[in-house]
Amino acid sequence: MKVTYIDHSGFAVETERHILIFDYYRGELPRPADADKKTVFFVSHIHEDHYNPDIFDAGRGGAYYVLSSEIDAPDGVNAKSMGPHETAEIAGVAVRTLRSTDCGVAYLLNVDGKTIYHAGDLHLWIWDGAPSCANAQMRRLFESELSLLSGVAIDAAFLPLDPRQGENGTLGFDYAMRTLDIKKAFPMHFWGRGEYAADFTASDQAAPYRDRIATLTKCGESIEI
């Protein structure tokens, strides 16, 4: 399985028979070496740093789309709309959704013998200066959603880190790594600040699971897992 960092929360994952594109909003779209592979785009929500309508230009060539329910697909493309806590099968990919703690959904996929999780904006949005009751409610919502992944063996997980939150920006990633069965995790949503992701990976906080983090910070950078 080949994973390519596109930008921000955008990744391409190439499996045996598919190329999966998550949350594309800018950058160069990878193309599979095998033209017979099915291309499936996943959009977690409508925020402009996760969604670019230009993705539908690829649909004229036979791509498939899985979209958070607030996004309307144009006519002539093969699209499936999904809300939280739904399941579907699209182009040979089994899809399950979770509810985001911000907007839209997160995706859990089973494809070509691999299990892939893309969090979208399902993250622990703890902010300094926010009311303690709001932060406590956020933590309850986040932990409740992630509990739905308990016992799932995840081959690749794409998890937010957000430098705008300061030290709080790593809490969601840390919780996921300490509580879920994740073989390899990819930081995302770090707003072009690759040093933030790299510093977290090297930190004492990440030490217990550092060997399970793949920190891709350059657009177009790839790794085989």
Foldseek 3Di string as FASTA:
>chain_A
DKWAFAAFLWIWDDDPAAIEIFQDQDGDDDDDPDPRHAYEYEAQFDPNSRDDLCVCVCQQVPHEYEYDQVDDHDPPGHYDYDFAQDWDADPQKTWGWHHALPGGTWIWIQHPNATETEGNRNFQPDAPPDDPVVSVVSVVRSVVRLVVQQPPAHAEYEYEAECVRPPRRCVRVLVSVVGHNYQAYEYGNHNLPLVVVVCVLVDPSNVVPSVRYDYDRDRGDMDDD
